[in-house]
Amino acid sequence: MKKIFLFMAITIVATSLNAQFHYEIPKSQTQNRTQARVQQTKQASSFDWNKVTFGGGVGLQFGDYTVVNIAPQVGYNFSKMFNAGFGFSYSYYKDRYYVNGDKWKETASYFGFNVYARFYPINNIIIMAQPDINRMWRTDEAPDGYKIKDEKFIPSFLIGGGLRLGPMSVMLKYDLVQDKDSPYGNNIFYSVGFSF
């Protein structure tokens, strides 16, 4: 107990002596240091709105198989070679198919959220990754009006690559998760998008 008391007493005395020692730095030096620190902090924490990108894609197909897709995205150019961001998507599908000679009608809607990263290793070349989560609402209708409804969350993880042509991009993509109800199917597919 005496050793603890002695240690605390020495610590308090040493701190008091240190607090009494005072060295005054010339005012011009402190102002320059302060201004330099403020400038460094502003540069490190500033958000450059000129690096924000807006883009996405729109898809339309009509006929026996109908598709309507809207997918806006917002991103940020962290460097000339790297852009990342997030987006939302809505897709509507309508198809007619046959079961034992009877014509069925299928309609499906997907609402999704994604985050993405795009890497530009050389001019006009894109490599991308994009995890998605989609909410699906699907109805299959038999010729007699009987309906089968299904709804669920569907994960996807898209990888791909392609070309950037000014504000447009053309890419080949593939869904690694391969859920049977994925809006992306189970094959390699192409997409055309834009980014400003």
Protein backbone atom coordinates (compact mmCIF):
# COMPACT_ATOMS: atom_id res chain seq x y z
CA MET A 1 0.00 0.00 0.00
CA LYS A 2 2.89 2.35 0.81
CA LYS A 3 4.41 1.61 -2.62
CA ILE A 4 1.18 2.55 -4.40
CA PHE A 5 0.88 5.74 -2.37
CA LEU A 6 4.53 6.62 -3.12
CA PHE A 7 4.05 5.96 -6.86
CA MET A 8 0.95 8.20 -7.00
CA ALA A 9 2.71 10.98 -5.11
CA ILE A 10 5.68 10.93 -7.50
CA THR A 11 3.33 10.94 -10.51
CA ILE A 12 1.40 13.97 -9.18
CA VAL A 13 4.59 15.92 -8.42
CA ALA A 14 6.08 15.13 -11.86
CA THR A 15 2.87 16.23 -13.57
CA SER A 16 2.78 19.46 -11.58
CA LEU A 17 6.39 20.27 -12.46
CA ASN A 18 5.71 19.55 -16.14
CA ALA A 19 2.62 21.79 -16.09
CA GLN A 20 4.63 24.69 -14.66
CA PHE A 21 7.23 24.55 -17.42
CA HIS A 22 6.17 26.97 -20.16
CA TYR A 23 7.81 27.77 -23.45
CA GLU A 24 6.24 30.39 -25.64
CA ILE A 25 6.29 29.80 -29.40
CA PRO A 26 6.32 33.00 -31.45
CA LYS A 27 2.81 33.92 -32.63
CA SER A 28 3.71 33.88 -36.34
CA GLN A 29 4.87 30.24 -36.11
CA THR A 30 1.68 29.09 -34.36
CA GLN A 31 -0.52 30.90 -36.90
CA ASN A 32 1.33 29.28 -39.81
CA ARG A 33 1.05 25.83 -38.22
CA THR A 34 -2.64 26.32 -37.50
CA GLN A 35 -3.37 27.51 -41.03
CA ALA A 36 -1.47 24.54 -42.50
CA ARG A 37 -3.45 22.09 -40.32
CA VAL A 38 -6.77 23.70 -41.29
CA GLN A 39 -5.84 23.51 -44.98
CA GLN A 40 -4.81 19.84 -44.68
CA THR A 41 -8.07 19.02 -42.90
CA LYS A 42 -10.13 20.77 -45.58
CA GLN A 43 -8.30 18.92 -48.35
CA ALA A 44 -8.61 15.54 -46.63
CA SER A 45 -12.30 15.85 -45.76
CA SER A 46 -13.66 17.85 -48.70
CA PHE A 47 -16.29 16.24 -50.90
CA ASP A 48 -15.96 17.15 -54.57
CA TRP A 49 -19.41 17.33 -56.18
CA ASN A 50 -17.74 17.32 -59.60
CA LYS A 51 -16.84 13.67 -59.01
CA VAL A 52 -20.46 12.55 -58.51
CA THR A 53 -21.84 10.50 -61.39
CA PHE A 54 -25.43 9.79 -62.41
CA GLY A 55 -26.35 6.98 -64.72
CA GLY A 56 -27.99 3.60 -65.04
CA GLY A 57 -30.00 1.89 -67.71
CA VAL A 58 -33.40 1.54 -69.30
CA GLY A 59 -34.63 -1.60 -71.03
CA LEU A 60 -37.71 -2.18 -73.17
CA GLN A 61 -38.87 -5.25 -75.07
CA PHE A 62 -42.37 -5.89 -76.40
CA GLY A 63 -44.06 -8.88 -77.99
CA ASP A 64 -44.85 -12.33 -76.61
CA TYR A 65 -42.19 -11.64 -74.00
CA THR A 66 -42.42 -8.13 -72.52
CA VAL A 67 -39.73 -6.48 -70.40
CA VAL A 68 -39.67 -2.98 -68.93
CA ASN A 69 -36.64 -2.06 -66.81
CA ILE A 70 -35.56 1.20 -65.15
CA ALA A 71 -32.31 1.24 -63.15
CA PRO A 72 -30.89 4.63 -62.02
CA GLN A 73 -27.50 4.72 -60.24
CA VAL A 74 -25.48 7.35 -58.36
CA GLY A 75 -21.72 7.00 -57.94
CA TYR A 76 -18.52 8.77 -57.04
CA ASN A 77 -15.22 8.85 -58.97
CA PHE A 78 -12.66 8.07 -56.27
CA SER A 79 -9.95 8.24 -58.95
CA LYS A 80 -9.66 8.09 -62.75
CA MET A 81 -9.60 4.31 -62.45
CA PHE A 82 -12.26 3.63 -59.78
CA ASN A 83 -15.96 4.50 -59.45
CA ALA A 84 -18.38 3.10 -56.86
CA GLY A 85 -21.97 3.81 -55.88
CA PHE A 86 -25.48 2.47 -55.44
CA GLY A 87 -28.69 2.17 -57.37
CA PHE A 88 -32.30 1.07 -57.48
CA SER A 89 -34.08 -0.92 -60.13
CA TYR A 90 -37.58 -1.84 -61.17
CA SER A 91 -38.32 -4.56 -63.72
CA TYR A 92 -41.59 -5.85 -65.11
CA TYR A 93 -41.81 -9.11 -67.07
CA LYS A 94 -44.73 -10.69 -68.91
CA ASP A 95 -44.49 -14.02 -70.69
CA ARG A 96 -46.77 -16.67 -72.15
CA TYR A 97 -45.79 -20.31 -72.07
CA TYR A 98 -47.38 -23.73 -72.58
CA VAL A 99 -47.97 -26.51 -70.03
CA ASN A 100 -49.42 -29.74 -71.51
CA GLY A 101 -50.76 -27.76 -74.46
CA ASP A 102 -52.43 -25.10 -72.28
CA LYS A 103 -51.30 -21.48 -72.58
CA TRP A 104 -50.29 -19.93 -69.25
CA LYS A 105 -49.48 -16.29 -68.55
CA GLU A 106 -46.70 -15.22 -66.18
CA THR A 107 -46.16 -11.69 -64.86
CA ALA A 108 -43.40 -10.68 -62.49
CA SER A 109 -42.23 -7.44 -60.90
CA TYR A 110 -38.86 -6.92 -59.24
CA PHE A 111 -37.80 -4.01 -57.08
CA GLY A 112 -34.10 -4.03 -56.23
CA PHE A 113 -31.23 -2.26 -54.52
CA ASN A 114 -27.58 -2.61 -55.52
CA VAL A 115 -24.12 -1.34 -54.77
CA TYR A 116 -21.46 -1.42 -57.45
CA ALA A 117 -17.77 -0.94 -58.10
CA ARG A 118 -16.25 -0.27 -61.50
CA PHE A 119 -12.56 -0.45 -62.28
CA TYR A 120 -11.08 1.10 -65.44
CA PRO A 121 -7.64 -0.58 -65.86
CA ILE A 122 -7.03 1.16 -69.21
CA ASN A 123 -8.96 3.67 -71.30
CA ASN A 124 -12.44 2.50 -72.30
CA ILE A 125 -12.19 -0.91 -70.55
CA ILE A 126 -14.54 -1.64 -67.59
CA ILE A 127 -14.41 -4.41 -65.00
CA MET A 128 -17.33 -4.41 -62.57
CA ALA A 129 -18.89 -6.14 -59.57
CA GLN A 130 -22.44 -5.51 -58.33
CA PRO A 131 -24.23 -7.29 -55.48
CA ASP A 132 -28.02 -6.92 -55.69
CA ILE A 133 -31.04 -7.79 -53.61
CA ASN A 134 -34.39 -7.89 -55.41
CA ARG A 135 -37.92 -8.35 -54.12
CA MET A 136 -39.97 -10.41 -56.57
CA TRP A 137 -43.76 -10.60 -56.95
CA ARG A 138 -44.80 -13.19 -59.52
CA THR A 139 -48.17 -14.53 -60.71
CA ASP A 140 -48.70 -17.53 -62.99
CA GLU A 141 -52.21 -17.69 -64.44
CA ALA A 142 -53.73 -20.84 -65.96
CA PRO A 143 -56.18 -20.68 -68.91
CA ASP A 144 -59.10 -21.27 -66.50
CA GLY A 145 -58.11 -18.21 -64.39
CA TYR A 146 -56.45 -20.17 -61.56
CA LYS A 147 -53.52 -18.13 -60.19
CA ILE A 148 -50.33 -19.18 -58.43
CA LYS A 149 -48.64 -16.30 -56.61
CA ASP A 150 -45.10 -16.17 -55.28
CA GLU A 151 -43.04 -13.46 -53.65
CA LYS A 152 -39.58 -13.50 -52.13
CA PHE A 153 -36.21 -11.78 -51.86
CA ILE A 154 -33.64 -12.84 -54.45
CA PRO A 155 -29.90 -12.22 -54.04
CA SER A 156 -27.63 -11.68 -57.04
CA PHE A 157 -23.96 -10.94 -57.50
CA LEU A 158 -23.09 -9.64 -60.94
CA ILE A 159 -19.59 -9.58 -62.38
CA GLY A 160 -18.69 -8.37 -65.82
CA GLY A 161 -16.65 -6.31 -68.16
CA GLY A 162 -16.97 -4.29 -71.29
CA LEU A 163 -16.32 -1.04 -73.09
CA ARG A 164 -16.99 2.56 -72.18
CA LEU A 165 -17.79 4.75 -75.18
CA GLY A 166 -18.09 8.31 -73.90
CA PRO A 167 -21.07 8.38 -71.50
CA MET A 168 -22.28 4.95 -72.72
CA SER A 169 -21.08 1.54 -71.63
CA VAL A 170 -21.64 -1.86 -73.20
CA MET A 171 -20.94 -4.83 -70.93
CA LEU A 172 -21.22 -8.59 -70.67
CA LYS A 173 -22.40 -9.69 -67.20
CA TYR A 174 -22.99 -12.90 -65.30
CA ASP A 175 -24.88 -13.59 -62.05
CA LEU A 176 -22.71 -15.73 -59.75
CA VAL A 177 -25.57 -16.65 -57.36
CA GLN A 178 -27.74 -18.31 -60.04
CA ASP A 179 -31.05 -18.21 -58.15
CA LYS A 180 -33.74 -19.84 -60.32
CA ASP A 181 -35.91 -16.70 -59.99
CA SER A 182 -33.15 -14.18 -60.65
CA PRO A 183 -34.15 -11.33 -62.97
CA TYR A 184 -30.80 -11.87 -64.74
CA GLY A 185 -31.33 -15.48 -65.80
CA ASN A 186 -28.65 -18.16 -65.74
CA ASN A 187 -26.60 -17.15 -68.79
CA ILE A 188 -24.15 -14.42 -69.70
CA PHE A 189 -26.12 -11.35 -70.76
CA TYR A 190 -25.30 -7.93 -72.19
CA SER A 191 -26.29 -4.53 -70.94
CA VAL A 192 -26.08 -1.02 -72.27
CA GLY A 193 -25.91 1.80 -69.75
CA PHE A 194 -24.91 5.43 -69.38
CA SER A 195 -23.08 7.59 -66.87
CA PHE A 196 -22.65 11.37 -66.65
